[in-house]
Amino acid sequence: MFYSPFDNAVSGLNKIKNEIADEKLFFGEDLVCKRCKTRLSDLLETGYVGCEDCYSLFEKDVLPMIYDFHKAVRHTGKRPEIIETKAAKQKQIEELLKRQAEASASEDYILAQSIKEKIEELRRK
């Protein structure tokens, strides 16, 4: 049987939507974000928040949805590709600097010079 990760999110949204509908009947109002004007009923209907302030305002409703969908509420995803590339390049430069220091310590100046050229080339890119 096919299992969709959206099933939990949809059932969570429906559950919260029903709870809010009951609260609306009791209190007679809908929460609205002051910044983007997103209403809690909109969030529950679409599953989308309007801005970062919505996360704070609708926290008690949004966090359970996020947890049901991702099984966590902390971001542990990938870094943007450009940051990943810069980090990899910096790590490579650090390793080359260590190798250059070792080559200089063992008086292998030709190897140290070639490593220095590789480092300079990486820094220019």
PDB file of N, CA and C in Angstrom:
ATOM      1  N   MET A   1       0.841  -1.185   0.000  1.00  0.00           N
ATOM      2  CA  MET A   1       0.000   0.000   0.000  1.00  0.00           C
ATOM      3  C   MET A   1       0.881   1.241   0.000  1.00  0.00           C
ATOM      4  N   PHE A   2       0.499   2.211  -0.751  1.00  0.00           N
ATOM      5  CA  PHE A   2       1.255   3.464  -0.854  1.00  0.00           C
ATOM      6  C   PHE A   2       0.978   4.351   0.354  1.00  0.00           C
ATOM      7  N   TYR A   3       2.034   4.832   0.973  1.00  0.00           N
ATOM      8  CA  TYR A   3       1.905   5.734   2.122  1.00  0.00           C
ATOM      9  C   TYR A   3       2.453   7.101   1.735  1.00  0.00           C
ATOM     10  N   SER A   4       1.667   8.099   1.915  1.00  0.00           N
ATOM     11  CA  SER A   4       2.094   9.460   1.618  1.00  0.00           C
ATOM     12  C   SER A   4       2.387  10.193   2.921  1.00  0.00           C
ATOM     13  N   PRO A   5       3.511  10.906   3.007  1.00  0.00           N
ATOM     14  CA  PRO A   5       3.796  11.665   4.227  1.00  0.00           C
ATOM     15  C   PRO A   5       2.809  12.800   4.432  1.00  0.00           C
ATOM     16  N   PHE A   6       2.068  13.147   3.396  1.00  0.00           N
ATOM     17  CA  PHE A   6       1.087  14.220   3.508  1.00  0.00           C
ATOM     18  C   PHE A   6      -0.168  13.778   4.270  1.00  0.00           C
ATOM     19  N   ASP A   7      -0.379  12.453   4.369  1.00  0.00           N
ATOM     20  CA  ASP A   7      -1.567  11.955   5.057  1.00  0.00           C
ATOM     21  C   ASP A   7      -1.620  12.445   6.498  1.00  0.00           C
ATOM     22  N   ASN A   8      -0.479  12.363   7.210  1.00  0.00           N
ATOM     23  CA  ASN A   8      -0.444  12.827   8.600  1.00  0.00           C
ATOM     24  C   ASN A   8      -0.696  14.325   8.674  1.00  0.00           C
ATOM     25  N   ALA A   9      -0.101  15.066   7.760  1.00  0.00           N
ATOM     26  CA  ALA A   9      -0.272  16.517   7.776  1.00  0.00           C
ATOM     27  C   ALA A   9      -1.725  16.890   7.516  1.00  0.00           C
ATOM     28  N   VAL A  10      -2.343  16.238   6.553  1.00  0.00           N
ATOM     29  CA  VAL A  10      -3.741  16.536   6.225  1.00  0.00           C
ATOM     30  C   VAL A  10      -4.648  16.184   7.390  1.00  0.00           C
ATOM     31  N   SER A  11      -4.431  15.018   7.995  1.00  0.00           N
ATOM     32  CA  SER A  11      -5.285  14.637   9.126  1.00  0.00           C
ATOM     33  C   SER A  11      -5.042  15.579  10.302  1.00  0.00           C
ATOM     34  N   GLY A  12      -3.775  16.005  10.489  1.00  0.00           N
ATOM     35  CA  GLY A  12      -3.477  16.971  11.549  1.00  0.00           C
ATOM     36  C   GLY A  12      -4.149  18.304  11.291  1.00  0.00           C
ATOM     37  N   LEU A  13      -4.120  18.746  10.041  1.00  0.00           N
ATOM     38  CA  LEU A  13      -4.783  20.005   9.674  1.00  0.00           C
ATOM     39  C   LEU A  13      -6.280  19.922   9.916  1.00  0.00           C
ATOM     40  N   ASN A  14      -6.871  18.819   9.529  1.00  0.00           N
ATOM     41  CA  ASN A  14      -8.317  18.661   9.726  1.00  0.00           C
ATOM     42  C   ASN A  14      -8.675  18.643  11.207  1.00  0.00           C
ATOM     43  N   LYS A  15      -7.847  17.974  12.005  1.00  0.00           N
ATOM     44  CA  LYS A  15      -8.097  17.906  13.448  1.00  0.00           C
ATOM     45  C   LYS A  15      -8.045  19.303  14.060  1.00  0.00           C
ATOM     46  N   ILE A  16      -6.988  20.056  13.706  1.00  0.00           N
ATOM     47  CA  ILE A  16      -6.830  21.410  14.247  1.00  0.00           C
ATOM     48  C   ILE A  16      -7.950  22.311  13.722  1.00  0.00           C
ATOM     49  N   LYS A  17      -8.308  22.133  12.460  1.00  0.00           N
ATOM     50  CA  LYS A  17      -9.376  22.928  11.860  1.00  0.00           C
ATOM     51  C   LYS A  17     -10.696  22.735  12.625  1.00  0.00           C
ATOM     52  N   ASN A  18     -10.989  21.491  12.969  1.00  0.00           N
ATOM     53  CA  ASN A  18     -12.214  21.203  13.724  1.00  0.00           C
ATOM     54  C   ASN A  18     -12.155  21.805  15.124  1.00  0.00           C
ATOM     55  N   GLU A  19     -10.970  21.718  15.769  1.00  0.00           N
ATOM     56  CA  GLU A  19     -10.821  22.300  17.100  1.00  0.00           C
ATOM     57  C   GLU A  19     -11.011  23.811  17.052  1.00  0.00           C
ATOM     58  N   ILE A  20     -10.417  24.440  16.024  1.00  0.00           N
ATOM     59  CA  ILE A  20     -10.528  25.893  15.891  1.00  0.00           C
ATOM     60  C   ILE A  20     -11.972  26.289  15.585  1.00  0.00           C
ATOM     61  N   ALA A  21     -12.648  25.489  14.773  1.00  0.00           N
ATOM     62  CA  ALA A  21     -14.049  25.787  14.457  1.00  0.00           C
ATOM     63  C   ALA A  21     -14.879  25.780  15.737  1.00  0.00           C
ATOM     64  N   ASP A  22     -14.590  24.818  16.607  1.00  0.00           N
ATOM     65  CA  ASP A  22     -15.297  24.774  17.890  1.00  0.00           C
ATOM     66  C   ASP A  22     -14.972  26.002  18.725  1.00  0.00           C
ATOM     67  N   GLU A  23     -13.676  26.397  18.754  1.00  0.00           N
ATOM     68  CA  GLU A  23     -13.274  27.583  19.511  1.00  0.00           C
ATOM     69  C   GLU A  23     -13.902  28.843  18.927  1.00  0.00           C
ATOM     70  N   LYS A  24     -13.986  28.919  17.586  1.00  0.00           N
ATOM     71  CA  LYS A  24     -14.591  30.101  16.949  1.00  0.00           C
ATOM     72  C   LYS A  24     -16.048  30.250  17.352  1.00  0.00           C
ATOM     73  N   LEU A  25     -16.727  29.128  17.447  1.00  0.00           N
ATOM     74  CA  LEU A  25     -18.114  29.192  17.883  1.00  0.00           C
ATOM     75  C   LEU A  25     -18.199  29.740  19.303  1.00  0.00           C
ATOM     76  N   PHE A  26     -17.196  29.357  20.109  1.00  0.00           N
ATOM     77  CA  PHE A  26     -17.208  29.798  21.499  1.00  0.00           C
ATOM     78  C   PHE A  26     -16.750  31.258  21.628  1.00  0.00           C
ATOM     79  N   PHE A  27     -15.628  31.595  20.961  1.00  0.00           N
ATOM     80  CA  PHE A  27     -15.056  32.942  21.100  1.00  0.00           C
ATOM     81  C   PHE A  27     -15.552  33.907  20.024  1.00  0.00           C
ATOM     82  N   GLY A  28     -15.952  33.409  18.865  1.00  0.00           N
ATOM     83  CA  GLY A  28     -16.498  34.247  17.813  1.00  0.00           C
ATOM     84  C   GLY A  28     -15.479  35.062  17.041  1.00  0.00           C
ATOM     85  N   GLU A  29     -14.186  34.633  17.012  1.00  0.00           N
ATOM     86  CA  GLU A  29     -13.194  35.384  16.236  1.00  0.00           C
ATOM     87  C   GLU A  29     -12.117  34.453  15.704  1.00  0.00           C
ATOM     88  N   ASP A  30     -11.381  34.947  14.714  1.00  0.00           N
ATOM     89  CA  ASP A  30     -10.325  34.186  14.078  1.00  0.00           C
ATOM     90  C   ASP A  30      -9.004  34.926  14.312  1.00  0.00           C
ATOM     91  N   LEU A  31      -7.928  34.199  14.632  1.00  0.00           N
ATOM     92  CA  LEU A  31      -6.621  34.837  14.803  1.00  0.00           C
ATOM     93  C   LEU A  31      -6.137  35.360  13.461  1.00  0.00           C
ATOM     94  N   VAL A  32      -5.548  36.576  13.458  1.00  0.00           N
ATOM     95  CA  VAL A  32      -5.039  37.176  12.228  1.00  0.00           C
ATOM     96  C   VAL A  32      -3.643  37.721  12.495  1.00  0.00           C
ATOM     97  N   CYS A  33      -2.703  37.408  11.603  1.00  0.00           N
ATOM     98  CA  CYS A  33      -1.347  37.920  11.712  1.00  0.00           C
ATOM     99  C   CYS A  33      -1.368  39.415  11.384  1.00  0.00           C
ATOM    100  N   LYS A  34      -0.794  40.227  12.254  1.00  0.00           N
ATOM    101  CA  LYS A  34      -0.792  41.677  12.037  1.00  0.00           C
ATOM    102  C   LYS A  34       0.083  42.080  10.864  1.00  0.00           C
ATOM    103  N   ARG A  35       1.108  41.293  10.598  1.00  0.00           N
ATOM    104  CA  ARG A  35       2.054  41.651   9.542  1.00  0.00           C
ATOM    105  C   ARG A  35       1.542  41.316   8.138  1.00  0.00           C
ATOM    106  N   CYS A  36       1.082  40.079   7.939  1.00  0.00           N
ATOM    107  CA  CYS A  36       0.707  39.653   6.584  1.00  0.00           C
ATOM    108  C   CYS A  36      -0.796  39.425   6.415  1.00  0.00           C
ATOM    109  N   LYS A  37      -1.522  39.585   7.501  1.00  0.00           N
ATOM    110  CA  LYS A  37      -2.993  39.449   7.487  1.00  0.00           C
ATOM    111  C   LYS A  37      -3.474  38.022   7.205  1.00  0.00           C
ATOM    112  N   THR A  38      -2.605  37.024   7.398  1.00  0.00           N
ATOM    113  CA  THR A  38      -3.026  35.634   7.244  1.00  0.00           C
ATOM    114  C   THR A  38      -3.881  35.256   8.441  1.00  0.00           C
ATOM    115  N   ARG A  39      -5.009  34.632   8.155  1.00  0.00           N
ATOM    116  CA  ARG A  39      -5.889  34.179   9.231  1.00  0.00           C
ATOM    117  C   ARG A  39      -5.576  32.729   9.558  1.00  0.00           C
ATOM    118  N   LEU A  40      -5.838  32.353  10.800  1.00  0.00           N
ATOM    119  CA  LEU A  40      -5.614  30.968  11.201  1.00  0.00           C
ATOM    120  C   LEU A  40      -6.451  30.021  10.344  1.00  0.00           C
ATOM    121  N   SER A  41      -7.646  30.420  10.006  1.00  0.00           N
ATOM    122  CA  SER A  41      -8.486  29.565   9.158  1.00  0.00           C
ATOM    123  C   SER A  41      -7.860  29.378   7.779  1.00  0.00           C
ATOM    124  N   ASP A  42      -7.169  30.432   7.256  1.00  0.00           N
ATOM    125  CA  ASP A  42      -6.464  30.303   5.970  1.00  0.00           C
ATOM    126  C   ASP A  42      -5.334  29.284   6.083  1.00  0.00           C
ATOM    127  N   LEU A  43      -4.581  29.400   7.173  1.00  0.00           N
ATOM    128  CA  LEU A  43      -3.474  28.483   7.411  1.00  0.00           C
ATOM    129  C   LEU A  43      -3.969  27.044   7.471  1.00  0.00           C
ATOM    130  N   LEU A  44      -5.039  26.823   8.188  1.00  0.00           N
ATOM    131  CA  LEU A  44      -5.560  25.472   8.325  1.00  0.00           C
ATOM    132  C   LEU A  44      -6.141  24.943   7.021  1.00  0.00           C
ATOM    133  N   GLU A  45      -6.636  25.827   6.196  1.00  0.00           N
ATOM    134  CA  GLU A  45      -7.213  25.413   4.916  1.00  0.00           C
ATOM    135  C   GLU A  45      -6.129  25.099   3.892  1.00  0.00           C
ATOM    136  N   THR A  46      -5.098  25.963   3.824  1.00  0.00           N
ATOM    137  CA  THR A  46      -4.073  25.803   2.793  1.00  0.00           C
ATOM    138  C   THR A  46      -2.835  25.059   3.279  1.00  0.00           C
ATOM    139  N   GLY A  47      -2.526  25.173   4.573  1.00  0.00           N
ATOM    140  CA  GLY A  47      -1.302  24.577   5.097  1.00  0.00           C
ATOM    141  C   GLY A  47      -0.100  25.489   4.952  1.00  0.00           C
ATOM    142  N   TYR A  48      -0.308  26.716   4.480  1.00  0.00           N
ATOM    143  CA  TYR A  48       0.790  27.666   4.273  1.00  0.00           C
ATOM    144  C   TYR A  48       0.689  28.824   5.251  1.00  0.00           C
ATOM    145  N   VAL A  49       1.872  29.239   5.774  1.00  0.00           N
ATOM    146  CA  VAL A  49       1.924  30.439   6.602  1.00  0.00           C
ATOM    147  C   VAL A  49       2.261  31.614   5.695  1.00  0.00           C
ATOM    148  N   GLY A  50       1.916  32.826   6.122  1.00  0.00           N
ATOM    149  CA  GLY A  50       2.148  33.993   5.285  1.00  0.00           C
ATOM    150  C   GLY A  50       3.520  34.614   5.473  1.00  0.00           C
ATOM    151  N   CYS A  51       4.045  34.581   6.707  1.00  0.00           N
ATOM    152  CA  CYS A  51       5.349  35.190   6.993  1.00  0.00           C
ATOM    153  C   CYS A  51       5.942  34.523   8.221  1.00  0.00           C
ATOM    154  N   GLU A  52       7.143  34.943   8.616  1.00  0.00           N
ATOM    155  CA  GLU A  52       7.784  34.326   9.778  1.00  0.00           C
ATOM    156  C   GLU A  52       7.067  34.646  11.085  1.00  0.00           C
ATOM    157  N   ASP A  53       6.338  35.767  11.141  1.00  0.00           N
ATOM    158  CA  ASP A  53       5.581  36.099  12.349  1.00  0.00           C
ATOM    159  C   ASP A  53       4.438  35.117  12.584  1.00  0.00           C
ATOM    160  N   CYS A  54       3.945  34.530  11.513  1.00  0.00           N
ATOM    161  CA  CYS A  54       2.854  33.554  11.641  1.00  0.00           C
ATOM    162  C   CYS A  54       3.286  32.358  12.490  1.00  0.00           C
ATOM    163  N   TYR A  55       4.559  31.970  12.383  1.00  0.00           N
ATOM    164  CA  TYR A  55       5.041  30.838  13.169  1.00  0.00           C
ATOM    165  C   TYR A  55       4.903  31.117  14.662  1.00  0.00           C
ATOM    166  N   SER A  56       5.175  32.353  15.067  1.00  0.00           N
ATOM    167  CA  SER A  56       5.042  32.709  16.480  1.00  0.00           C
ATOM    168  C   SER A  56       3.579  32.804  16.889  1.00  0.00           C
ATOM    169  N   LEU A  57       2.791  33.465  16.064  1.00  0.00           N
ATOM    170  CA  LEU A  57       1.390  33.675  16.392  1.00  0.00           C
ATOM    171  C   LEU A  57       0.605  32.363  16.427  1.00  0.00           C
ATOM    172  N   PHE A  58       0.842  31.507  15.440  1.00  0.00           N
ATOM    173  CA  PHE A  58       0.097  30.262  15.321  1.00  0.00           C
ATOM    174  C   PHE A  58       0.894  29.065  15.832  1.00  0.00           C
ATOM    175  N   GLU A  59       1.857  29.317  16.708  1.00  0.00           N
ATOM    176  CA  GLU A  59       2.791  28.282  17.159  1.00  0.00           C
ATOM    177  C   GLU A  59       2.098  27.015  17.651  1.00  0.00           C
ATOM    178  N   LYS A  60       1.090  27.168  18.497  1.00  0.00           N
ATOM    179  CA  LYS A  60       0.449  25.969  19.066  1.00  0.00           C
ATOM    180  C   LYS A  60      -0.267  25.142  18.002  1.00  0.00           C
ATOM    181  N   ASP A  61      -0.564  25.744  16.868  1.00  0.00           N
ATOM    182  CA  ASP A  61      -1.220  25.017  15.788  1.00  0.00           C
ATOM    183  C   ASP A  61      -0.235  24.544  14.718  1.00  0.00           C
ATOM    184  N   VAL A  62       0.820  25.316  14.492  1.00  0.00           N
ATOM    185  CA  VAL A  62       1.768  24.996  13.431  1.00  0.00           C
ATOM    186  C   VAL A  62       2.752  23.904  13.855  1.00  0.00           C
ATOM    187  N   LEU A  63       3.274  23.969  15.080  1.00  0.00           N
ATOM    188  CA  LEU A  63       4.284  22.992  15.506  1.00  0.00           C
ATOM    189  C   LEU A  63       3.797  21.550  15.442  1.00  0.00           C
ATOM    190  N   PRO A  64       2.577  21.245  15.889  1.00  0.00           N
ATOM    191  CA  PRO A  64       2.128  19.854  15.733  1.00  0.00           C
ATOM    192  C   PRO A  64       2.048  19.414  14.269  1.00  0.00           C
ATOM    193  N   MET A  65       1.660  20.328  13.380  1.00  0.00           N
ATOM    194  CA  MET A  65       1.602  19.995  11.948  1.00  0.00           C
ATOM    195  C   MET A  65       3.001  19.705  11.422  1.00  0.00           C
ATOM    196  N   ILE A  66       3.960  20.544  11.801  1.00  0.00           N
ATOM    197  CA  ILE A  66       5.339  20.348  11.344  1.00  0.00           C
ATOM    198  C   ILE A  66       5.879  19.027  11.877  1.00  0.00           C
ATOM    199  N   TYR A  67       5.620  18.763  13.143  1.00  0.00           N
ATOM    200  CA  TYR A  67       6.106  17.519  13.743  1.00  0.00           C
ATOM    201  C   TYR A  67       5.477  16.302  13.076  1.00  0.00           C
ATOM    202  N   ASP A  68       4.178  16.344  12.811  1.00  0.00           N
ATOM    203  CA  ASP A  68       3.519  15.218  12.152  1.00  0.00           C
ATOM    204  C   ASP A  68       4.112  14.953  10.775  1.00  0.00           C
ATOM    205  N   PHE A  69       4.453  16.006  10.085  1.00  0.00           N
ATOM    206  CA  PHE A  69       4.976  15.857   8.725  1.00  0.00           C
ATOM    207  C   PHE A  69       6.450  15.447   8.711  1.00  0.00           C
ATOM    208  N   HIS A  70       7.284  16.137   9.512  1.00  0.00           N
ATOM    209  CA  HIS A  70       8.733  15.933   9.464  1.00  0.00           C
ATOM    210  C   HIS A  70       9.276  15.063  10.592  1.00  0.00           C
ATOM    211  N   LYS A  71       8.456  14.783  11.604  1.00  0.00           N
ATOM    212  CA  LYS A  71       8.873  14.043  12.789  1.00  0.00           C
ATOM    213  C   LYS A  71       9.953  14.787  13.574  1.00  0.00           C
ATOM    214  N   ALA A  72      10.014  16.095  13.400  1.00  0.00           N
ATOM    215  CA  ALA A  72      10.923  16.966  14.142  1.00  0.00           C
ATOM    216  C   ALA A  72      10.458  18.403  13.961  1.00  0.00           C
ATOM    217  N   VAL A  73      10.882  19.282  14.863  1.00  0.00           N
ATOM    218  CA  VAL A  73      10.540  20.696  14.719  1.00  0.00           C
ATOM    219  C   VAL A  73      11.791  21.565  14.593  1.00  0.00           C
ATOM    220  N   ARG A  74      12.966  20.932  14.488  1.00  0.00           N
ATOM    221  CA  ARG A  74      14.203  21.668  14.243  1.00  0.00           C
ATOM    222  C   ARG A  74      14.679  21.372  12.832  1.00  0.00           C
ATOM    223  N   HIS A  75      15.182  22.391  12.157  1.00  0.00           N
ATOM    224  CA  HIS A  75      15.653  22.210  10.788  1.00  0.00           C
ATOM    225  C   HIS A  75      16.986  21.477  10.800  1.00  0.00           C
ATOM    226  N   THR A  76      17.066  20.384  10.070  1.00  0.00           N
ATOM    227  CA  THR A  76      18.311  19.631   9.971  1.00  0.00           C
ATOM    228  C   THR A  76      18.659  19.361   8.515  1.00  0.00           C
ATOM    229  N   GLY A  77      18.129  20.169   7.628  1.00  0.00           N
ATOM    230  CA  GLY A  77      18.302  19.955   6.190  1.00  0.00           C
ATOM    231  C   GLY A  77      19.658  20.385   5.674  1.00  0.00           C
ATOM    232  N   LYS A  78      19.763  20.380   4.382  1.00  0.00           N
ATOM    233  CA  LYS A  78      21.003  20.715   3.706  1.00  0.00           C
ATOM    234  C   LYS A  78      21.265  22.213   3.748  1.00  0.00           C
ATOM    235  N   ARG A  79      22.530  22.540   3.596  1.00  0.00           N
ATOM    236  CA  ARG A  79      22.895  23.941   3.452  1.00  0.00           C
ATOM    237  C   ARG A  79      22.784  24.309   1.976  1.00  0.00           C
ATOM    238  N   PRO A  80      22.614  25.585   1.667  1.00  0.00           N
ATOM    239  CA  PRO A  80      22.592  25.981   0.254  1.00  0.00           C
ATOM    240  C   PRO A  80      23.882  25.563  -0.444  1.00  0.00           C
ATOM    241  N   GLU A  81      23.773  25.241  -1.714  1.00  0.00           N
ATOM    242  CA  GLU A  81      24.906  24.692  -2.460  1.00  0.00           C
ATOM    243  C   GLU A  81      26.125  25.608  -2.443  1.00  0.00           C
ATOM    244  N   ILE A  82      25.919  26.913  -2.544  1.00  0.00           N
ATOM    245  CA  ILE A  82      27.063  27.822  -2.583  1.00  0.00           C
ATOM    246  C   ILE A  82      27.829  27.808  -1.261  1.00  0.00           C
ATOM    247  N   ILE A  83      27.125  27.692  -0.142  1.00  0.00           N
ATOM    248  CA  ILE A  83      27.790  27.612   1.160  1.00  0.00           C
ATOM    249  C   ILE A  83      28.534  26.296   1.267  1.00  0.00           C
ATOM    250  N   GLU A  84      27.914  25.215   0.798  1.00  0.00           N
ATOM    251  CA  GLU A  84      28.544  23.905   0.835  1.00  0.00           C
ATOM    252  C   GLU A  84      29.829  23.918   0.005  1.00  0.00           C
ATOM    253  N   THR A  85      29.787  24.565  -1.151  1.00  0.00           N
ATOM    254  CA  THR A  85      30.955  24.649  -2.018  1.00  0.00           C
ATOM    255  C   THR A  85      32.066  25.455  -1.357  1.00  0.00           C
ATOM    256  N   LYS A  86      31.723  26.583  -0.748  1.00  0.00           N
ATOM    257  CA  LYS A  86      32.721  27.402  -0.064  1.00  0.00           C
ATOM    258  C   LYS A  86      33.346  26.652   1.103  1.00  0.00           C
ATOM    259  N   ALA A  87      32.521  25.916   1.851  1.00  0.00           N
ATOM    260  CA  ALA A  87      33.023  25.155   2.994  1.00  0.00           C
ATOM    261  C   ALA A  87      33.979  24.057   2.532  1.00  0.00           C
ATOM    262  N   ALA A  88      33.648  23.384   1.433  1.00  0.00           N
ATOM    263  CA  ALA A  88      34.512  22.331   0.900  1.00  0.00           C
ATOM    264  C   ALA A  88      35.841  22.920   0.419  1.00  0.00           C
ATOM    265  N   LYS A  89      35.774  24.082  -0.241  1.00  0.00           N
ATOM    266  CA  LYS A  89      36.994  24.727  -0.723  1.00  0.00           C
ATOM    267  C   LYS A  89      37.879  25.161   0.446  1.00  0.00           C
ATOM    268  N   GLN A  90      37.263  25.716   1.490  1.00  0.00           N
ATOM    269  CA  GLN A  90      38.025  26.149   2.660  1.00  0.00           C
ATOM    270  C   GLN A  90      38.689  24.958   3.347  1.00  0.00           C
ATOM    271  N   LYS A  91      37.982  23.843   3.427  1.00  0.00           N
ATOM    272  CA  LYS A  91      38.551  22.635   4.035  1.00  0.00           C
ATOM    273  C   LYS A  91      39.740  22.134   3.219  1.00  0.00           C
ATOM    274  N   GLN A  92      39.608  22.167   1.903  1.00  0.00           N
ATOM    275  CA  GLN A  92      40.698  21.735   1.031  1.00  0.00           C
ATOM    276  C   GLN A  92      41.915  22.638   1.204  1.00  0.00           C
ATOM    277  N   ILE A  93      41.696  23.949   1.314  1.00  0.00           N
ATOM    278  CA  ILE A  93      42.805  24.889   1.520  1.00  0.00           C
ATOM    279  C   ILE A  93      43.495  24.604   2.848  1.00  0.00           C
ATOM    280  N   GLU A  94      42.722  24.352   3.902  1.00  0.00           N
ATOM    281  CA  GLU A  94      43.304  24.063   5.217  1.00  0.00           C
ATOM    282  C   GLU A  94      44.161  22.801   5.177  1.00  0.00           C
ATOM    283  N   GLU A  95      43.683  21.767   4.474  1.00  0.00           N
ATOM    284  CA  GLU A  95      44.463  20.530   4.348  1.00  0.00           C
ATOM    285  C   GLU A  95      45.759  20.774   3.572  1.00  0.00           C
ATOM    286  N   LEU A  96      45.671  21.583   2.521  1.00  0.00           N
ATOM    287  CA  LEU A  96      46.876  21.899   1.745  1.00  0.00           C
ATOM    288  C   LEU A  96      47.872  22.715   2.573  1.00  0.00           C
ATOM    289  N   LEU A  97      47.374  23.621   3.396  1.00  0.00           N
ATOM    290  CA  LEU A  97      48.266  24.398   4.271  1.00  0.00           C
ATOM    291  C   LEU A  97      49.016  23.495   5.241  1.00  0.00           C
ATOM    292  N   LYS A  98      48.331  22.484   5.779  1.00  0.00           N
ATOM    293  CA  LYS A  98      48.991  21.521   6.670  1.00  0.00           C
ATOM    294  C   LYS A  98      50.071  20.749   5.922  1.00  0.00           C
ATOM    295  N   ARG A  99      49.722  20.291   4.703  1.00  0.00           N
ATOM    296  CA  ARG A  99      50.703  19.552   3.894  1.00  0.00           C
ATOM    297  C   ARG A  99      51.889  20.428   3.533  1.00  0.00           C
ATOM    298  N   GLN A 100      51.635  21.711   3.263  1.00  0.00           N
ATOM    299  CA  GLN A 100      52.713  22.640   2.936  1.00  0.00           C
ATOM    300  C   GLN A 100      53.642  22.815   4.139  1.00  0.00           C
ATOM    301  N   ALA A 101      53.067  22.942   5.327  1.00  0.00           N
ATOM    302  CA  ALA A 101      53.877  23.089   6.535  1.00  0.00           C
ATOM    303  C   ALA A 101      54.721  21.834   6.775  1.00  0.00           C
ATOM    304  N   GLU A 102      54.137  20.666   6.544  1.00  0.00           N
ATOM    305  CA  GLU A 102      54.883  19.415   6.711  1.00  0.00           C
ATOM    306  C   GLU A 102      56.018  19.322   5.699  1.00  0.00           C
ATOM    307  N   ALA A 103      55.743  19.714   4.458  1.00  0.00           N
ATOM    308  CA  ALA A 103      56.772  19.670   3.420  1.00  0.00           C
ATOM    309  C   ALA A 103      57.905  20.633   3.756  1.00  0.00           C
ATOM    310  N   SER A 104      57.593  21.826   4.266  1.00  0.00           N
ATOM    311  CA  SER A 104      58.621  22.788   4.643  1.00  0.00           C
ATOM    312  C   SER A 104      59.430  22.282   5.827  1.00  0.00           C
ATOM    313  N   ALA A 105      58.747  21.642   6.778  1.00  0.00           N
ATOM    314  CA  ALA A 105      59.443  21.119   7.955  1.00  0.00           C
ATOM    315  C   ALA A 105      60.417  20.007   7.569  1.00  0.00           C
ATOM    316  N   SER A 106      60.064  19.220   6.562  1.00  0.00           N
ATOM    317  CA  SER A 106      60.961  18.146   6.119  1.00  0.00           C
ATOM    318  C   SER A 106      61.912  18.634   5.021  1.00  0.00           C
ATOM    319  N   GLU A 107      61.953  19.939   4.810  1.00  0.00           N
ATOM    320  CA  GLU A 107      62.852  20.603   3.846  1.00  0.00           C
ATOM    321  C   GLU A 107      62.634  20.144   2.407  1.00  0.00           C
ATOM    322  N   ASP A 108      61.393  19.792   2.077  1.00  0.00           N
ATOM    323  CA  ASP A 108      61.043  19.452   0.699  1.00  0.00           C
ATOM    324  C   ASP A 108      60.408  20.702   0.085  1.00  0.00           C
ATOM    325  N   TYR A 109      61.272  21.645  -0.303  1.00  0.00           N
ATOM    326  CA  TYR A 109      60.807  22.964  -0.731  1.00  0.00           C
ATOM    327  C   TYR A 109      60.111  22.957  -2.096  1.00  0.00           C
ATOM    328  N   ILE A 110      60.460  22.007  -2.932  1.00  0.00           N
ATOM    329  CA  ILE A 110      59.808  21.905  -4.240  1.00  0.00           C
ATOM    330  C   ILE A 110      58.343  21.501  -4.052  1.00  0.00           C
ATOM    331  N   LEU A 111      58.080  20.513  -3.182  1.00  0.00           N
ATOM    332  CA  LEU A 111      56.719  20.093  -2.887  1.00  0.00           C
ATOM    333  C   LEU A 111      55.946  21.230  -2.212  1.00  0.00           C
ATOM    334  N   ALA A 112      56.598  21.914  -1.280  1.00  0.00           N
ATOM    335  CA  ALA A 112      55.959  23.033  -0.577  1.00  0.00           C
ATOM    336  C   ALA A 112      55.550  24.123  -1.566  1.00  0.00           C
ATOM    337  N   GLN A 113      56.416  24.402  -2.559  1.00  0.00           N
ATOM    338  CA  GLN A 113      56.107  25.424  -3.566  1.00  0.00           C
ATOM    339  C   GLN A 113      54.931  25.003  -4.435  1.00  0.00           C
ATOM    340  N   SER A 114      54.876  23.739  -4.839  1.00  0.00           N
ATOM    341  CA  SER A 114      53.757  23.275  -5.681  1.00  0.00           C
ATOM    342  C   SER A 114      52.441  23.315  -4.889  1.00  0.00           C
ATOM    343  N   ILE A 115      52.491  22.989  -3.607  1.00  0.00           N
ATOM    344  CA  ILE A 115      51.294  23.068  -2.770  1.00  0.00           C
ATOM    345  C   ILE A 115      50.862  24.522  -2.621  1.00  0.00           C
ATOM    346  N   LYS A 116      51.836  25.426  -2.474  1.00  0.00           N
ATOM    347  CA  LYS A 116      51.531  26.850  -2.353  1.00  0.00           C
ATOM    348  C   LYS A 116      50.823  27.347  -3.612  1.00  0.00           C
ATOM    349  N   GLU A 117      51.248  26.908  -4.773  1.00  0.00           N
ATOM    350  CA  GLU A 117      50.618  27.300  -6.026  1.00  0.00           C
ATOM    351  C   GLU A 117      49.178  26.780  -6.115  1.00  0.00           C
ATOM    352  N   LYS A 118      48.947  25.551  -5.624  1.00  0.00           N
ATOM    353  CA  LYS A 118      47.594  24.995  -5.613  1.00  0.00           C
ATOM    354  C   LYS A 118      46.680  25.825  -4.703  1.00  0.00           C
ATOM    355  N   ILE A 119      47.227  26.228  -3.550  1.00  0.00           N
ATOM    356  CA  ILE A 119      46.451  27.042  -2.607  1.00  0.00           C
ATOM    357  C   ILE A 119      46.085  28.375  -3.241  1.00  0.00           C
ATOM    358  N   GLU A 120      47.038  29.023  -3.883  1.00  0.00           N
ATOM    359  CA  GLU A 120      46.783  30.308  -4.535  1.00  0.00           C
ATOM    360  C   GLU A 120      45.739  30.171  -5.638  1.00  0.00           C
ATOM    361  N   GLU A 121      45.803  29.074  -6.391  1.00  0.00           N
ATOM    362  CA  GLU A 121      44.840  28.821  -7.450  1.00  0.00           C
ATOM    363  C   GLU A 121      43.416  28.659  -6.870  1.00  0.00           C
ATOM    364  N   LEU A 122      43.299  27.915  -5.772  1.00  0.00           N
ATOM    365  CA  LEU A 122      41.998  27.732  -5.124  1.00  0.00           C
ATOM    366  C   LEU A 122      41.447  29.053  -4.609  1.00  0.00           C
ATOM    367  N   ARG A 123      42.293  29.878  -4.067  1.00  0.00           N
ATOM    368  CA  ARG A 123      41.849  31.168  -3.522  1.00  0.00           C
ATOM    369  C   ARG A 123      41.393  32.129  -4.620  1.00  0.00           C
ATOM    370  N   ARG A 124      41.951  32.004  -5.816  1.00  0.00           N
ATOM    371  CA  ARG A 124      41.546  32.866  -6.925  1.00  0.00           C
ATOM    372  C   ARG A 124      40.161  32.499  -7.446  1.00  0.00           C
ATOM    373  N   LYS A 125      39.773  31.263  -7.306  1.00  0.00           N
ATOM    374  CA  LYS A 125      38.472  30.794  -7.836  1.00  0.00           C
ATOM    375  C   LYS A 125      37.329  31.312  -7.023  1.00  0.00           C
TER     376      LYS A 125
END
